């Protein structure tokens, strides 16, 4: 009887997706900044955002937060997810967002 034979894949395969783009520069200070919470509604993002809000407010003055319902569910039904992601840039601009905390559950 012969042993089964399996193809082996190299774990460091080709990168997929879009070509890398340059990242925006990091903010050096969050004082006076407006921060968005963007969430996929999967894993305790609401609890993590509350913890972040408390810690950030203790460290930086005059911060303002825009909660996740303003940006839609970035992981829902296919149509809902696509709509939320497509409209995200417009919504970030409308709310004059300086930075975003994005919660993606596991």
N, C-alpha and C. Protein backbone atom coordinates (compact mmCIF):
# COMPACT_ATOMS: atom_id res chain seq x y z
N UNK A 1 0.84 -1.17 0.00
CA UNK A 1 0.00 0.00 0.00
C UNK A 1 0.90 1.24 0.00
N UNK A 2 0.58 2.22 -0.82
CA UNK A 2 1.40 3.42 -0.91
C UNK A 2 0.79 4.53 -0.06
N UNK A 3 1.68 5.36 0.44
CA UNK A 3 1.25 6.52 1.23
C UNK A 3 0.61 7.55 0.30
N UNK A 4 -0.37 8.33 0.80
CA UNK A 4 -0.94 9.39 -0.04
C UNK A 4 0.12 10.46 -0.31
N UNK A 5 -0.03 11.12 -1.40
CA UNK A 5 0.92 12.17 -1.78
C UNK A 5 0.15 13.49 -1.89
N UNK A 6 0.72 14.56 -1.29
CA UNK A 6 0.07 15.86 -1.26
C UNK A 6 0.98 16.93 -1.85
N UNK A 7 0.38 17.89 -2.52
CA UNK A 7 1.12 19.05 -3.00
C UNK A 7 1.47 19.91 -1.80
N UNK A 8 2.62 20.54 -1.83
CA UNK A 8 3.04 21.44 -0.76
C UNK A 8 3.09 22.85 -1.30
N UNK A 9 2.52 23.77 -0.55
CA UNK A 9 2.50 25.17 -0.96
C UNK A 9 3.48 25.96 -0.10
N UNK A 10 4.19 26.86 -0.72
CA UNK A 10 5.11 27.74 0.00
C UNK A 10 4.28 28.75 0.78
N UNK A 11 4.50 28.88 2.10
CA UNK A 11 3.67 29.78 2.91
C UNK A 11 3.90 31.26 2.61
N UNK A 12 4.96 31.59 1.95
CA UNK A 12 5.23 32.99 1.62
C UNK A 12 4.96 33.22 0.14
N UNK A 13 3.72 33.07 -0.23
CA UNK A 13 3.34 33.19 -1.63
C UNK A 13 3.31 34.62 -2.11
N UNK A 14 2.90 34.79 -3.35
CA UNK A 14 2.79 36.11 -3.95
C UNK A 14 1.80 36.96 -3.17
N UNK A 15 2.05 38.25 -3.14
CA UNK A 15 1.11 39.17 -2.52
C UNK A 15 -0.04 39.43 -3.47
N UNK A 16 -1.23 39.46 -2.94
CA UNK A 16 -2.40 39.74 -3.76
C UNK A 16 -2.93 41.13 -3.49
N UNK A 17 -4.00 41.47 -4.14
CA UNK A 17 -4.65 42.75 -3.88
C UNK A 17 -4.07 43.88 -4.69
N UNK A 18 -4.38 45.08 -4.23
CA UNK A 18 -3.96 46.29 -4.93
C UNK A 18 -2.49 46.60 -4.67
N UNK A 19 -1.93 47.38 -5.53
CA UNK A 19 -0.54 47.82 -5.35
C UNK A 19 -0.46 48.68 -4.08
N UNK A 20 0.63 48.56 -3.35
CA UNK A 20 0.77 49.37 -2.12
C UNK A 20 0.71 50.86 -2.44
N UNK A 21 0.13 51.60 -1.53
CA UNK A 21 0.07 53.05 -1.68
C UNK A 21 0.77 53.69 -0.49
N UNK A 22 1.10 54.94 -0.65
CA UNK A 22 1.76 55.65 0.44
C UNK A 22 0.76 55.96 1.54
N UNK A 23 1.17 55.77 2.78
CA UNK A 23 0.29 56.05 3.90
C UNK A 23 0.30 57.53 4.24
N UNK A 24 -0.78 57.98 4.82
CA UNK A 24 -0.83 59.37 5.31
C UNK A 24 0.13 59.50 6.48
N UNK A 25 0.69 60.68 6.68
CA UNK A 25 1.59 60.85 7.82
C UNK A 25 0.85 60.68 9.14
N UNK A 26 1.54 60.13 10.13
CA UNK A 26 0.94 59.95 11.45
C UNK A 26 0.74 61.29 12.13
N UNK A 27 -0.29 61.36 12.94
CA UNK A 27 -0.49 62.55 13.77
C UNK A 27 0.47 62.47 14.94
N UNK A 28 1.10 63.56 15.27
CA UNK A 28 2.03 63.57 16.40
C UNK A 28 1.31 63.80 17.72
N UNK A 29 0.08 64.34 17.65
CA UNK A 29 -0.67 64.66 18.86
C UNK A 29 -2.16 64.59 18.53
N UNK A 30 -2.95 64.12 19.45
CA UNK A 30 -4.40 64.03 19.22
C UNK A 30 -5.17 65.17 19.88
N UNK A 31 -4.47 66.11 20.49
CA UNK A 31 -5.13 67.24 21.13
C UNK A 31 -5.95 68.02 20.09
N UNK A 32 -7.22 68.21 20.41
CA UNK A 32 -8.10 68.97 19.53
C UNK A 32 -8.52 68.24 18.27
N UNK A 33 -8.24 66.96 18.16
CA UNK A 33 -8.56 66.20 16.95
C UNK A 33 -9.93 65.56 17.04
N UNK A 34 -10.48 65.29 15.89
CA UNK A 34 -11.77 64.61 15.76
C UNK A 34 -11.49 63.19 15.27
N UNK A 35 -11.94 62.21 16.05
CA UNK A 35 -11.60 60.81 15.79
C UNK A 35 -12.87 60.02 15.46
N UNK A 36 -12.80 59.26 14.38
CA UNK A 36 -13.92 58.39 13.97
C UNK A 36 -13.72 56.99 14.52
N UNK A 37 -14.81 56.36 14.88
CA UNK A 37 -14.81 54.94 15.22
C UNK A 37 -15.52 54.21 14.08
N UNK A 38 -14.78 53.35 13.40
CA UNK A 38 -15.32 52.57 12.28
C UNK A 38 -15.28 51.12 12.71
N UNK A 39 -16.38 50.39 12.54
CA UNK A 39 -16.49 49.06 13.12
C UNK A 39 -17.23 48.11 12.19
N UNK A 40 -16.87 46.83 12.29
CA UNK A 40 -17.55 45.80 11.51
C UNK A 40 -18.66 45.09 12.29
N UNK A 41 -18.98 45.58 13.47
CA UNK A 41 -20.06 45.07 14.32
C UNK A 41 -19.89 43.60 14.68
N UNK A 42 -18.64 43.10 14.71
CA UNK A 42 -18.41 41.69 14.96
C UNK A 42 -17.93 41.39 16.38
N UNK A 43 -16.89 42.04 16.85
CA UNK A 43 -16.30 41.61 18.12
C UNK A 43 -16.04 42.78 19.06
N UNK A 44 -16.93 43.08 19.94
CA UNK A 44 -16.76 43.99 21.07
C UNK A 44 -16.11 45.33 20.74
N UNK A 45 -16.28 45.80 19.53
CA UNK A 45 -15.73 47.10 19.16
C UNK A 45 -16.29 48.21 20.02
N UNK A 46 -17.58 48.13 20.34
CA UNK A 46 -18.18 49.17 21.17
C UNK A 46 -17.50 49.26 22.53
N UNK A 47 -17.12 48.11 23.10
CA UNK A 47 -16.41 48.11 24.39
C UNK A 47 -14.99 48.66 24.24
N UNK A 48 -14.32 48.27 23.16
CA UNK A 48 -12.95 48.76 22.93
C UNK A 48 -12.94 50.26 22.65
N UNK A 49 -13.93 50.76 21.92
CA UNK A 49 -14.01 52.19 21.65
C UNK A 49 -14.20 52.97 22.95
N UNK A 50 -15.03 52.45 23.84
CA UNK A 50 -15.25 53.12 25.13
C UNK A 50 -13.95 53.18 25.93
N UNK A 51 -13.19 52.11 25.92
CA UNK A 51 -11.89 52.11 26.63
C UNK A 51 -10.92 53.10 25.98
N UNK A 52 -10.90 53.12 24.66
CA UNK A 52 -10.02 54.06 23.96
C UNK A 52 -10.41 55.50 24.27
N UNK A 53 -11.70 55.79 24.24
CA UNK A 53 -12.19 57.14 24.52
C UNK A 53 -11.71 57.61 25.89
N UNK A 54 -11.86 56.76 26.91
CA UNK A 54 -11.43 57.13 28.25
C UNK A 54 -9.93 57.37 28.34
N UNK A 55 -9.15 56.47 27.76
CA UNK A 55 -7.69 56.60 27.81
C UNK A 55 -7.20 57.80 27.02
N UNK A 56 -7.77 58.03 25.84
CA UNK A 56 -7.34 59.15 25.01
C UNK A 56 -7.73 60.49 25.64
N UNK A 57 -8.94 60.56 26.18
CA UNK A 57 -9.39 61.81 26.81
C UNK A 57 -8.54 62.17 28.03
N UNK A 58 -8.02 61.15 28.73
CA UNK A 58 -7.15 61.41 29.87
C UNK A 58 -5.78 61.91 29.43
N UNK A 59 -5.39 61.59 28.22
CA UNK A 59 -4.05 61.94 27.74
C UNK A 59 -4.04 63.20 26.88
N UNK A 60 -5.10 63.43 26.11
CA UNK A 60 -5.14 64.56 25.18
C UNK A 60 -6.36 65.43 25.49
N UNK A 61 -6.19 66.73 25.37
CA UNK A 61 -7.28 67.66 25.65
C UNK A 61 -8.15 67.90 24.42
N UNK A 62 -9.41 68.20 24.67
CA UNK A 62 -10.30 68.70 23.64
C UNK A 62 -10.46 67.77 22.44
N UNK A 63 -10.54 66.47 22.69
CA UNK A 63 -10.79 65.52 21.59
C UNK A 63 -12.28 65.39 21.38
N UNK A 64 -12.65 65.07 20.17
CA UNK A 64 -14.05 64.85 19.82
C UNK A 64 -14.12 63.50 19.11
N UNK A 65 -15.15 62.72 19.40
CA UNK A 65 -15.30 61.38 18.83
C UNK A 65 -16.60 61.29 18.05
N UNK A 66 -16.56 60.62 16.91
CA UNK A 66 -17.75 60.36 16.12
C UNK A 66 -17.95 58.84 16.13
N UNK A 67 -19.09 58.41 16.67
CA UNK A 67 -19.33 56.99 16.90
C UNK A 67 -19.62 56.23 15.60
N UNK A 68 -19.45 54.93 15.68
CA UNK A 68 -19.50 54.03 14.51
C UNK A 68 -20.79 54.05 13.71
N UNK A 69 -21.98 54.28 14.28
CA UNK A 69 -23.17 54.26 13.42
C UNK A 69 -23.13 55.28 12.28
N UNK A 70 -22.37 56.35 12.45
CA UNK A 70 -22.26 57.37 11.41
C UNK A 70 -21.55 56.86 10.16
N UNK A 71 -20.82 55.75 10.27
CA UNK A 71 -20.00 55.27 9.15
C UNK A 71 -20.49 53.95 8.57
N UNK A 72 -21.51 53.38 9.16
CA UNK A 72 -22.08 52.14 8.64
C UNK A 72 -21.29 50.91 9.08
N UNK A 73 -21.88 49.77 8.82
CA UNK A 73 -21.29 48.48 9.16
C UNK A 73 -20.38 48.04 8.02
N UNK A 74 -19.07 48.00 8.28
CA UNK A 74 -18.13 47.64 7.22
C UNK A 74 -18.03 46.13 7.02
N UNK A 75 -18.87 45.37 7.72
CA UNK A 75 -18.94 43.93 7.52
C UNK A 75 -20.36 43.49 7.82
N UNK A 76 -21.16 43.39 6.83
CA UNK A 76 -22.54 42.97 7.02
C UNK A 76 -22.96 42.17 5.81
N UNK A 77 -24.16 42.42 5.37
CA UNK A 77 -24.57 41.81 4.11
C UNK A 77 -23.67 42.39 3.03
N UNK A 78 -23.51 41.72 1.96
CA UNK A 78 -22.62 42.18 0.91
C UNK A 78 -22.97 43.60 0.47
N UNK A 79 -24.24 43.88 0.23
CA UNK A 79 -24.64 45.22 -0.20
C UNK A 79 -24.36 46.24 0.89
N UNK A 80 -24.67 45.90 2.13
CA UNK A 80 -24.45 46.82 3.25
C UNK A 80 -22.96 47.14 3.41
N UNK A 81 -22.13 46.12 3.36
CA UNK A 81 -20.68 46.30 3.50
C UNK A 81 -20.14 47.15 2.37
N UNK A 82 -20.49 46.82 1.15
CA UNK A 82 -19.98 47.57 0.00
C UNK A 82 -20.40 49.02 0.06
N UNK A 83 -21.65 49.28 0.45
CA UNK A 83 -22.14 50.65 0.56
C UNK A 83 -21.37 51.41 1.63
N UNK A 84 -21.17 50.79 2.80
CA UNK A 84 -20.46 51.47 3.90
C UNK A 84 -19.02 51.79 3.50
N UNK A 85 -18.34 50.85 2.88
CA UNK A 85 -16.94 51.07 2.50
C UNK A 85 -16.86 52.11 1.37
N UNK A 86 -17.77 52.03 0.43
CA UNK A 86 -17.77 52.99 -0.69
C UNK A 86 -18.02 54.41 -0.19
N UNK A 87 -18.90 54.58 0.78
CA UNK A 87 -19.25 55.91 1.27
C UNK A 87 -18.34 56.40 2.40
N UNK A 88 -17.42 55.57 2.87
CA UNK A 88 -16.57 55.94 3.99
C UNK A 88 -15.77 57.23 3.74
N UNK A 89 -15.09 57.39 2.61
CA UNK A 89 -14.34 58.64 2.40
C UNK A 89 -15.23 59.89 2.50
N UNK A 90 -16.40 59.83 1.89
CA UNK A 90 -17.35 60.96 1.93
C UNK A 90 -17.78 61.24 3.37
N UNK A 91 -18.07 60.20 4.12
CA UNK A 91 -18.51 60.37 5.51
C UNK A 91 -17.39 60.91 6.40
N UNK A 92 -16.17 60.45 6.18
CA UNK A 92 -15.04 60.96 6.95
C UNK A 92 -14.85 62.45 6.67
N UNK A 93 -14.97 62.85 5.41
CA UNK A 93 -14.84 64.28 5.06
C UNK A 93 -15.98 65.10 5.65
N UNK A 94 -17.20 64.59 5.55
CA UNK A 94 -18.37 65.32 6.06
C UNK A 94 -18.24 65.58 7.56
N UNK A 95 -17.71 64.62 8.28
CA UNK A 95 -17.57 64.76 9.74
C UNK A 95 -16.24 65.41 10.13
N UNK A 96 -15.45 65.82 9.15
CA UNK A 96 -14.17 66.50 9.37
C UNK A 96 -13.26 65.69 10.30
N UNK A 97 -13.06 64.42 9.93
CA UNK A 97 -12.30 63.49 10.74
C UNK A 97 -10.80 63.68 10.53
N UNK A 98 -10.05 63.70 11.63
CA UNK A 98 -8.59 63.80 11.58
C UNK A 98 -7.92 62.43 11.66
N UNK A 99 -8.56 61.49 12.36
CA UNK A 99 -7.98 60.15 12.56
C UNK A 99 -9.13 59.17 12.76
N UNK A 100 -8.85 57.89 12.52
CA UNK A 100 -9.88 56.87 12.71
C UNK A 100 -9.32 55.70 13.50
N UNK A 101 -10.16 55.15 14.35
CA UNK A 101 -9.88 53.90 15.03
C UNK A 101 -10.80 52.88 14.37
N UNK A 102 -10.21 51.85 13.76
CA UNK A 102 -11.01 50.88 13.03
C UNK A 102 -11.00 49.57 13.79
N UNK A 103 -12.17 49.11 14.20
CA UNK A 103 -12.30 47.87 14.95
C UNK A 103 -12.77 46.76 14.03
N UNK A 104 -11.93 45.76 13.82
CA UNK A 104 -12.27 44.62 12.98
C UNK A 104 -12.19 43.38 13.84
N UNK A 105 -13.33 42.73 14.06
CA UNK A 105 -13.39 41.56 14.94
C UNK A 105 -12.82 40.32 14.32
N UNK A 106 -12.60 39.36 15.17
CA UNK A 106 -12.04 38.08 14.72
C UNK A 106 -13.09 37.00 14.81
